[in-house]
Each structure stands twice: as C-alpha cells, then as structure tokens.
PDB file of N, CA and C in Angstrom:
ATOM      1  N   MET A   1       9.408  81.612 269.874  1.00  0.00           N
ATOM      2  CA  MET A   1       9.367  80.083 269.727  1.00  0.00           C
ATOM      3  C   MET A   1       7.658  80.371 270.473  1.00  0.00           C
ATOM      4  N   ARG A   2       7.639  81.859 271.326  1.00  0.00           N
ATOM      5  CA  ARG A   2       6.810  82.130 272.962  1.00  0.00           C
ATOM      6  C   ARG A   2       5.476  82.533 271.928  1.00  0.00           C
ATOM      7  N   GLU A   3       5.698  82.916 270.794  1.00  0.00           N
ATOM      8  CA  GLU A   3       4.113  83.255 269.939  1.00  0.00           C
ATOM      9  C   GLU A   3       3.194  81.442 269.209  1.00  0.00           C
ATOM     10  N   ALA A   4       4.101  81.116 268.926  1.00  0.00           N
ATOM     11  CA  ALA A   4       3.735  79.212 268.680  1.00  0.00           C
ATOM     12  C   ALA A   4       3.106  78.723 269.541  1.00  0.00           C
ATOM     13  N   GLN A   5       3.301  78.531 270.719  1.00  0.00           N
ATOM     14  CA  GLN A   5       2.971  78.150 272.114  1.00  0.00           C
ATOM     15  C   GLN A   5       1.638  78.336 272.335  1.00  0.00           C
ATOM     16  N   SER A   6       1.359  80.036 272.520  1.00  0.00           N
ATOM     17  CA  SER A   6       0.693  80.359 273.588  1.00  0.00           C
ATOM     18  C   SER A   6      -1.278  79.766 271.724  1.00  0.00           C
ATOM     19  N   ILE A   7      -1.324  79.138 273.211  1.00  0.00           N
ATOM     20  CA  ILE A   7      -3.181  79.208 272.516  1.00  0.00           C
ATOM     21  C   ILE A   7      -4.204  79.243 272.886  1.00  0.00           C
ATOM     22  N   VAL A   8      -4.570  79.814 272.414  1.00  0.00           N
ATOM     23  CA  VAL A   8      -5.735  80.755 272.579  1.00  0.00           C
ATOM     24  C   VAL A   8      -7.111  79.638 273.505  1.00  0.00           C
ATOM     25  N   VAL A   9      -7.873  79.867 275.270  1.00  0.00           N
ATOM     26  CA  VAL A   9      -8.238  79.011 275.532  1.00  0.00           C
ATOM     27  C   VAL A   9      -9.676  79.465 276.001  1.00  0.00           C
ATOM     28  N   GLU A  10     -11.053  78.955 275.823  1.00  0.00           N
ATOM     29  CA  GLU A  10     -12.710  79.699 275.815  1.00  0.00           C
ATOM     30  C   GLU A  10     -12.495  79.383 277.460  1.00  0.00           C
ATOM     31  N   SER A  11     -12.996  80.313 277.387  1.00  0.00           N
ATOM     32  CA  SER A  11     -14.155  79.841 279.571  1.00  0.00           C
ATOM     33  C   SER A  11     -14.430  78.197 279.399  1.00  0.00           C
ATOM     34  N   LEU A  12     -14.996  78.318 280.156  1.00  0.00           N
ATOM     35  CA  LEU A  12     -15.579  76.893 280.993  1.00  0.00           C
ATOM     36  C   LEU A  12     -17.005  77.210 280.760  1.00  0.00           C
ATOM     37  N   SER A  13     -17.120  77.536 280.633  1.00  0.00           N
ATOM     38  CA  SER A  13     -18.967  77.846 280.680  1.00  0.00           C
ATOM     39  C   SER A  13     -18.830  78.593 279.049  1.00  0.00           C
ATOM     40  N   ALA A  14     -17.901  78.619 277.820  1.00  0.00           N
ATOM     41  CA  ALA A  14     -18.062  78.913 276.812  1.00  0.00           C
ATOM     42  C   ALA A  14     -18.430  77.194 276.191  1.00  0.00           C
ATOM     43  N   THR A  15     -17.362  76.725 277.327  1.00  0.00           N
ATOM     44  CA  THR A  15     -16.850  75.642 275.316  1.00  0.00           C
ATOM     45  C   THR A  15     -17.796  74.410 276.475  1.00  0.00           C
ATOM     46  N   VAL A  16     -18.665  74.980 277.234  1.00  0.00           N
ATOM     47  CA  VAL A  16     -19.737  73.324 277.287  1.00  0.00           C
ATOM     48  C   VAL A  16     -20.763  73.901 277.375  1.00  0.00           C
ATOM     49  N   ASP A  17     -21.286  75.063 276.824  1.00  0.00           N
ATOM     50  CA  ASP A  17     -22.109  75.958 275.698  1.00  0.00           C
ATOM     51  C   ASP A  17     -21.997  75.744 274.248  1.00  0.00           C
ATOM     52  N   ASP A  18     -20.352  75.174 274.392  1.00  0.00           N
ATOM     53  CA  ASP A  18     -20.508  74.699 272.735  1.00  0.00           C
ATOM     54  C   ASP A  18     -20.735  73.069 272.240  1.00  0.00           C
ATOM     55  N   LEU A  19     -20.224  72.683 274.050  1.00  0.00           N
ATOM     56  CA  LEU A  19     -20.240  70.552 274.250  1.00  0.00           C
ATOM     57  C   LEU A  19     -22.516  70.991 273.983  1.00  0.00           C
ATOM     58  N   CYS A  20     -23.037  71.513 274.608  1.00  0.00           N
ATOM     59  CA  CYS A  20     -23.931  71.085 274.429  1.00  0.00           C
ATOM     60  C   CYS A  20     -25.054  71.611 273.313  1.00  0.00           C
ATOM     61  N   GLN A  21     -24.889  72.696 272.409  1.00  0.00           N
ATOM     62  CA  GLN A  21     -24.974  73.184 271.399  1.00  0.00           C
ATOM     63  C   GLN A  21     -24.193  71.482 270.418  1.00  0.00           C
ATOM     64  N   LYS A  22     -23.500  71.253 270.442  1.00  0.00           N
ATOM     65  CA  LYS A  22     -23.395  70.082 269.174  1.00  0.00           C
ATOM     66  C   LYS A  22     -23.304  68.829 269.711  1.00  0.00           C
ATOM     67  N   PHE A  23     -24.061  68.310 271.437  1.00  0.00           N
ATOM     68  CA  PHE A  23     -24.457  67.251 271.404  1.00  0.00           C
ATOM     69  C   PHE A  23     -25.042  67.164 271.911  1.00  0.00           C
ATOM     70  N   GLY A  24     -26.040  67.741 272.839  1.00  0.00           N
ATOM     71  CA  GLY A  24     -27.549  68.360 273.373  1.00  0.00           C
ATOM     72  C   GLY A  24     -26.880  67.785 274.757  1.00  0.00           C
ATOM     73  N   VAL A  25     -27.317  68.740 275.988  1.00  0.00           N
ATOM     74  CA  VAL A  25     -27.273  68.801 277.629  1.00  0.00           C
ATOM     75  C   VAL A  25     -27.855  67.499 277.647  1.00  0.00           C
ATOM     76  N   TRP A  26     -28.003  66.225 277.265  1.00  0.00           N
ATOM     77  CA  TRP A  26     -28.365  65.087 278.108  1.00  0.00           C
ATOM     78  C   TRP A  26     -26.798  64.679 278.243  1.00  0.00           C
ATOM     79  N   ARG A  27     -26.735  64.069 277.208  1.00  0.00           N
ATOM     80  CA  ARG A  27     -25.438  63.228 276.290  1.00  0.00           C
ATOM     81  C   ARG A  27     -24.107  64.069 276.619  1.00  0.00           C
ATOM     82  N   THR A  28     -24.247  65.907 277.335  1.00  0.00           N
ATOM     83  CA  THR A  28     -23.069  66.013 277.122  1.00  0.00           C
ATOM     84  C   THR A  28     -22.931  65.145 279.319  1.00  0.00           C
ATOM     85  N   ALA A  29     -24.586  66.004 279.976  1.00  0.00           N
ATOM     86  CA  ALA A  29     -25.050  65.793 281.112  1.00  0.00           C
ATOM     87  C   ALA A  29     -23.942  63.782 281.491  1.00  0.00           C
ATOM     88  N   ARG A  30     -24.629  63.420 281.376  1.00  0.00           N
ATOM     89  CA  ARG A  30     -23.999  61.728 280.681  1.00  0.00           C
ATOM     90  C   ARG A  30     -22.275  61.505 280.618  1.00  0.00           C
ATOM     91  N   ALA A  31     -21.428  62.446 279.732  1.00  0.00           N
ATOM     92  CA  ALA A  31     -20.072  61.676 279.276  1.00  0.00           C
ATOM     93  C   ALA A  31     -20.405  63.103 281.421  1.00  0.00           C
ATOM     94  N   LEU A  32     -20.801  63.497 281.799  1.00  0.00           N
ATOM     95  CA  LEU A  32     -19.868  64.889 282.641  1.00  0.00           C
ATOM     96  C   LEU A  32     -20.073  63.313 284.406  1.00  0.00           C
ATOM     97  N   ALA A  33     -21.945  63.483 284.105  1.00  0.00           N
ATOM     98  CA  ALA A  33     -21.320  61.386 284.815  1.00  0.00           C
ATOM     99  C   ALA A  33     -20.378  60.972 284.543  1.00  0.00           C
ATOM    100  N   LEU A  34     -20.906  60.507 283.564  1.00  0.00           N
ATOM    101  CA  LEU A  34     -19.819  59.253 283.709  1.00  0.00           C
ATOM    102  C   LEU A  34     -18.208  59.139 284.363  1.00  0.00           C
ATOM    103  N   ALA A  35     -17.682  60.616 283.217  1.00  0.00           N
ATOM    104  CA  ALA A  35     -16.237  60.474 283.734  1.00  0.00           C
ATOM    105  C   ALA A  35     -16.388  61.582 285.348  1.00  0.00           C
ATOM    106  N   ALA A  36     -17.294  61.889 286.566  1.00  0.00           N
ATOM    107  CA  ALA A  36     -16.619  61.605 287.120  1.00  0.00           C
ATOM    108  C   ALA A  36     -16.816  60.229 288.008  1.00  0.00           C
ATOM    109  N   TRP A  37     -17.052  59.580 287.152  1.00  0.00           N
ATOM    110  CA  TRP A  37     -17.832  58.254 288.462  1.00  0.00           C
ATOM    111  C   TRP A  37     -16.236  57.669 288.339  1.00  0.00           C
ATOM    112  N   LYS A  38     -16.280  57.781 286.461  1.00  0.00           N
ATOM    113  CA  LYS A  38     -14.790  57.578 286.298  1.00  0.00           C
ATOM    114  C   LYS A  38     -14.169  57.260 287.317  1.00  0.00           C
ATOM    115  N   HIS A  39     -13.532  58.610 288.085  1.00  0.00           N
ATOM    116  CA  HIS A  39     -12.133  59.020 288.406  1.00  0.00           C
ATOM    117  C   HIS A  39     -13.317  58.885 289.801  1.00  0.00           C
ATOM    118  N   HIS A  40     -14.117  58.815 290.226  1.00  0.00           N
ATOM    119  CA  HIS A  40     -14.862  58.330 291.797  1.00  0.00           C
ATOM    120  C   HIS A  40     -14.072  56.324 291.980  1.00  0.00           C
ATOM    121  N   GLN A  41     -14.424  56.218 291.192  1.00  0.00           N
ATOM    122  CA  GLN A  41     -13.707  54.158 291.604  1.00  0.00           C
ATOM    123  C   GLN A  41     -12.345  53.967 291.040  1.00  0.00           C
ATOM    124  N   THR A  42     -11.783  55.314 290.622  1.00  0.00           N
ATOM    125  CA  THR A  42     -10.569  54.534 290.193  1.00  0.00           C
ATOM    126  C   THR A  42      -9.229  55.257 291.401  1.00  0.00           C
ATOM    127  N   VAL A  43     -10.017  55.613 293.505  1.00  0.00           N
ATOM    128  CA  VAL A  43      -9.331  56.195 294.063  1.00  0.00           C
ATOM    129  C   VAL A  43      -9.410  54.858 294.812  1.00  0.00           C
ATOM    130  N   ASN A  44      -8.456  54.281 296.168  1.00  0.00           N
ATOM    131  CA  ASN A  44      -8.536  53.055 296.161  1.00  0.00           C
ATOM    132  C   ASN A  44      -9.324  52.497 297.894  1.00  0.00           C
ATOM    133  N   GLN A  45      -9.572  51.721 298.248  1.00  0.00           N
ATOM    134  CA  GLN A  45     -10.967  52.097 299.220  1.00  0.00           C
ATOM    135  C   GLN A  45     -10.750  51.533 299.952  1.00  0.00           C
ATOM    136  N   ILE A  46      -9.670  51.413 301.758  1.00  0.00           N
ATOM    137  CA  ILE A  46      -9.198  49.868 302.077  1.00  0.00           C
ATOM    138  C   ILE A  46     -10.366  49.580 303.331  1.00  0.00           C
ATOM    139  N   SER A  47     -11.516  50.587 304.145  1.00  0.00           N
ATOM    140  CA  SER A  47     -11.559  50.789 304.843  1.00  0.00           C
ATOM    141  C   SER A  47     -12.939  49.830 305.266  1.00  0.00           C
ATOM    142  N   HIS A  48     -13.178  49.338 304.685  1.00  0.00           N
ATOM    143  CA  HIS A  48     -14.624  47.852 303.944  1.00  0.00           C
ATOM    144  C   HIS A  48     -13.312  46.850 304.655  1.00  0.00           C
ATOM    145  N   LEU A  49     -12.072  46.292 304.762  1.00  0.00           N
ATOM    146  CA  LEU A  49     -11.458  44.751 304.312  1.00  0.00           C
ATOM    147  C   LEU A  49     -10.483  45.116 305.785  1.00  0.00           C
ATOM    148  N   SER A  50     -10.984  43.117 305.724  1.00  0.00           N
ATOM    149  CA  SER A  50     -10.652  42.980 307.445  1.00  0.00           C
ATOM    150  C   SER A  50      -9.448  43.059 307.707  1.00  0.00           C
ATOM    151  N   ASN A  51      -9.495  43.145 308.974  1.00  0.00           N
ATOM    152  CA  ASN A  51      -7.648  42.464 309.802  1.00  0.00           C
ATOM    153  C   ASN A  51      -6.942  41.767 308.836  1.00  0.00           C
ATOM    154  N   ARG A  52      -8.118  40.421 308.518  1.00  0.00           N
ATOM    155  CA  ARG A  52      -6.936  38.828 307.848  1.00  0.00           C
ATOM    156  C   ARG A  52      -6.524  40.017 306.654  1.00  0.00           C
ATOM    157  N   THR A  53      -8.002  39.986 306.259  1.00  0.00           N
ATOM    158  CA  THR A  53      -7.031  40.870 305.319  1.00  0.00           C
ATOM    159  C   THR A  53      -5.328  42.238 304.588  1.00  0.00           C
ATOM    160  N   ARG A  54      -5.996  42.809 305.962  1.00  0.00           N
ATOM    161  CA  ARG A  54      -4.673  43.744 305.941  1.00  0.00           C
ATOM    162  C   ARG A  54      -3.688  43.235 306.416  1.00  0.00           C
ATOM    163  N   ARG A  55      -3.903  42.393 307.242  1.00  0.00           N
ATOM    164  CA  ARG A  55      -2.529  41.880 307.520  1.00  0.00           C
ATOM    165  C   ARG A  55      -1.829  41.253 306.177  1.00  0.00           C
ATOM    166  N   ASP A  56      -3.095  40.388 305.455  1.00  0.00           N
ATOM    167  CA  ASP A  56      -2.288  39.312 304.362  1.00  0.00           C
ATOM    168  C   ASP A  56      -1.622  40.710 303.201  1.00  0.00           C
ATOM    169  N   ILE A  57      -1.938  41.765 302.885  1.00  0.00           N
ATOM    170  CA  ILE A  57      -1.471  42.607 301.967  1.00  0.00           C
ATOM    171  C   ILE A  57      -0.637  43.831 302.604  1.00  0.00           C
ATOM    172  N   GLY A  58      -0.443  43.680 304.171  1.00  0.00           N
ATOM    173  CA  GLY A  58       0.468  44.044 304.636  1.00  0.00           C
ATOM    174  C   GLY A  58      -0.025  45.654 305.534  1.00  0.00           C
ATOM    175  N   LEU A  59      -1.375  45.784 305.735  1.00  0.00           N
ATOM    176  CA  LEU A  59      -1.982  47.048 306.365  1.00  0.00           C
ATOM    177  C   LEU A  59      -1.736  46.998 308.107  1.00  0.00           C
ATOM    178  N   PRO A  60      -1.238  48.020 308.602  1.00  0.00           N
ATOM    179  CA  PRO A  60      -1.914  47.645 309.868  1.00  0.00           C
ATOM    180  C   PRO A  60      -3.579  47.105 310.433  1.00  0.00           C
ATOM    181  N   GLU A  61      -3.705  47.135 311.227  1.00  0.00           N
ATOM    182  CA  GLU A  61      -5.179  46.236 311.641  1.00  0.00           C
ATOM    183  C   GLU A  61      -5.439  46.983 312.453  1.00  0.00           C
ATOM    184  N   VAL A  62      -6.760  47.627 312.298  1.00  0.00           N
ATOM    185  CA  VAL A  62      -7.756  48.433 312.270  1.00  0.00           C
ATOM    186  C   VAL A  62      -8.908  48.085 313.699  1.00  0.00           C
ATOM    187  N   ASP A  63      -8.714  48.198 315.289  1.00  0.00           N
ATOM    188  CA  ASP A  63      -9.257  48.116 316.569  1.00  0.00           C
ATOM    189  C   ASP A  63     -10.468  48.529 315.709  1.00  0.00           C
ATOM    190  N   ASP A  64     -11.332  47.336 315.991  1.00  0.00           N
ATOM    191  CA  ASP A  64     -12.597  47.056 315.385  1.00  0.00           C
ATOM    192  C   ASP A  64     -13.324  47.732 317.343  1.00  0.00           C
ATOM    193  N   ALA A  65     -14.637  48.118 317.392  1.00  0.00           N
ATOM    194  CA  ALA A  65     -15.770  48.281 318.129  1.00  0.00           C
ATOM    195  C   ALA A  65     -16.551  46.621 319.029  1.00  0.00           C
ATOM    196  N   LEU A  66     -16.096  46.346 319.739  1.00  0.00           N
ATOM    197  CA  LEU A  66     -16.481  44.873 319.896  1.00  0.00           C
ATOM    198  C   LEU A  66     -18.543  44.942 319.746  1.00  0.00           C
ATOM    199  N   GLY A  67     -17.834  43.640 318.478  1.00  0.00           N
ATOM    200  CA  GLY A  67     -19.649  43.100 318.113  1.00  0.00           C
ATOM    201  C   GLY A  67     -19.672  43.897 317.195  1.00  0.00           C
ATOM    202  N   GLU A  68     -18.984  44.720 316.494  1.00  0.00           N
ATOM    203  CA  GLU A  68     -19.607  45.585 315.544  1.00  0.00           C
ATOM    204  C   GLU A  68     -18.759  44.129 314.217  1.00  0.00           C
ATOM    205  N   ILE A  69     -19.863  44.974 313.120  1.00  0.00           N
ATOM    206  CA  ILE A  69     -20.100  44.050 311.914  1.00  0.00           C
ATOM    207  C   ILE A  69     -19.251  44.346 310.482  1.00  0.00           C
ATOM    208  N   ARG A  70     -18.922  43.833 310.295  1.00  0.00           N
ATOM    209  CA  ARG A  70     -17.895  44.761 308.614  1.00  0.00           C
ATOM    210  C   ARG A  70     -18.794  44.041 307.750  1.00  0.00           C
ATOM    211  N   PHE A  71     -18.850  45.697 306.424  1.00  0.00           N
ATOM    212  CA  PHE A  71     -19.466  44.652 305.365  1.00  0.00           C
ATOM    213  C   PHE A  71     -17.702  44.142 304.753  1.00  0.00           C
ATOM    214  N   SER A  72     -18.610  42.800 304.098  1.00  0.00           N
ATOM    215  CA  SER A  72     -17.405  41.714 303.509  1.00  0.00           C
ATOM    216  C   SER A  72     -18.783  41.514 301.559  1.00  0.00           C
ATOM    217  N   PRO A  73     -17.319  42.427 300.707  1.00  0.00           N
ATOM    218  CA  PRO A  73     -18.202  42.185 299.458  1.00  0.00           C
ATOM    219  C   PRO A  73     -17.987  40.825 298.939  1.00  0.00           C
ATOM    220  N   TRP A  74     -16.939  40.208 299.870  1.00  0.00           N
ATOM    221  CA  TRP A  74     -17.754  38.685 299.597  1.00  0.00           C
ATOM    222  C   TRP A  74     -18.360  37.368 300.142  1.00  0.00           C
ATOM    223  N   GLY A  75     -19.013  37.730 300.873  1.00  0.00           N
ATOM    224  CA  GLY A  75     -20.234  37.291 301.463  1.00  0.00           C
ATOM    225  C   GLY A  75     -19.537  36.677 303.098  1.00  0.00           C
ATOM    226  N   THR A  76     -18.576  37.246 303.789  1.00  0.00           N
ATOM    227  CA  THR A  76     -17.935  35.836 305.313  1.00  0.00           C
ATOM    228  C   THR A  76     -18.054  37.514 305.251  1.00  0.00           C
ATOM    229  N   LEU A  77     -18.029  36.758 306.645  1.00  0.00           N
ATOM    230  CA  LEU A  77     -18.104  37.950 307.949  1.00  0.00           C
ATOM    231  C   LEU A  77     -16.564  37.416 308.684  1.00  0.00           C
ATOM    232  N   PRO A  78     -16.582  38.506 308.447  1.00  0.00           N
ATOM    233  CA  PRO A  78     -14.385  38.888 309.137  1.00  0.00           C
ATOM    234  C   PRO A  78     -14.332  38.239 309.853  1.00  0.00           C
TER     235      PRO A  78
END
C-alpha cells in the first residue's frame, strides 16, 4: 500500500519551467497573478464599514477620530 501511495513530486522551479515551456512565460505569469488576485478577493475586509453597518451585522463599533471621513463604497457618508 505504501508503494502505491508514494508519488514523485518535482521541485517548484522544475514545474514552473515546464509550464513556461508549454504555455509561455506571459501566460504563466498571468495565470499566477490571476490566482493571487482571486485569493486576495476572498479575504473579507471590514475596516471600511461604517458603525451603522457594523451594528446591523452584529460587529462591535469602532471609535472614529473626530472629523475623520471614511470611504463608503455606496457613495454615502457614514
């Protein structure tokens, strides 16, 4: 059973080299950038939310500095 499960894995540089030879450097780099961007988008960011929105979804409010304006993706001020 152990022999059936052992898999030979190439090093990362060898794998990237194979991908570059097969698809080209620019396509490989583009695919890597897209994968990184998709991973970046999956992380939930709540720092831009207003206190009103935070209350609505059950998060604690954040003390704002007096006169500080936050960015609102909906185009309204908090």
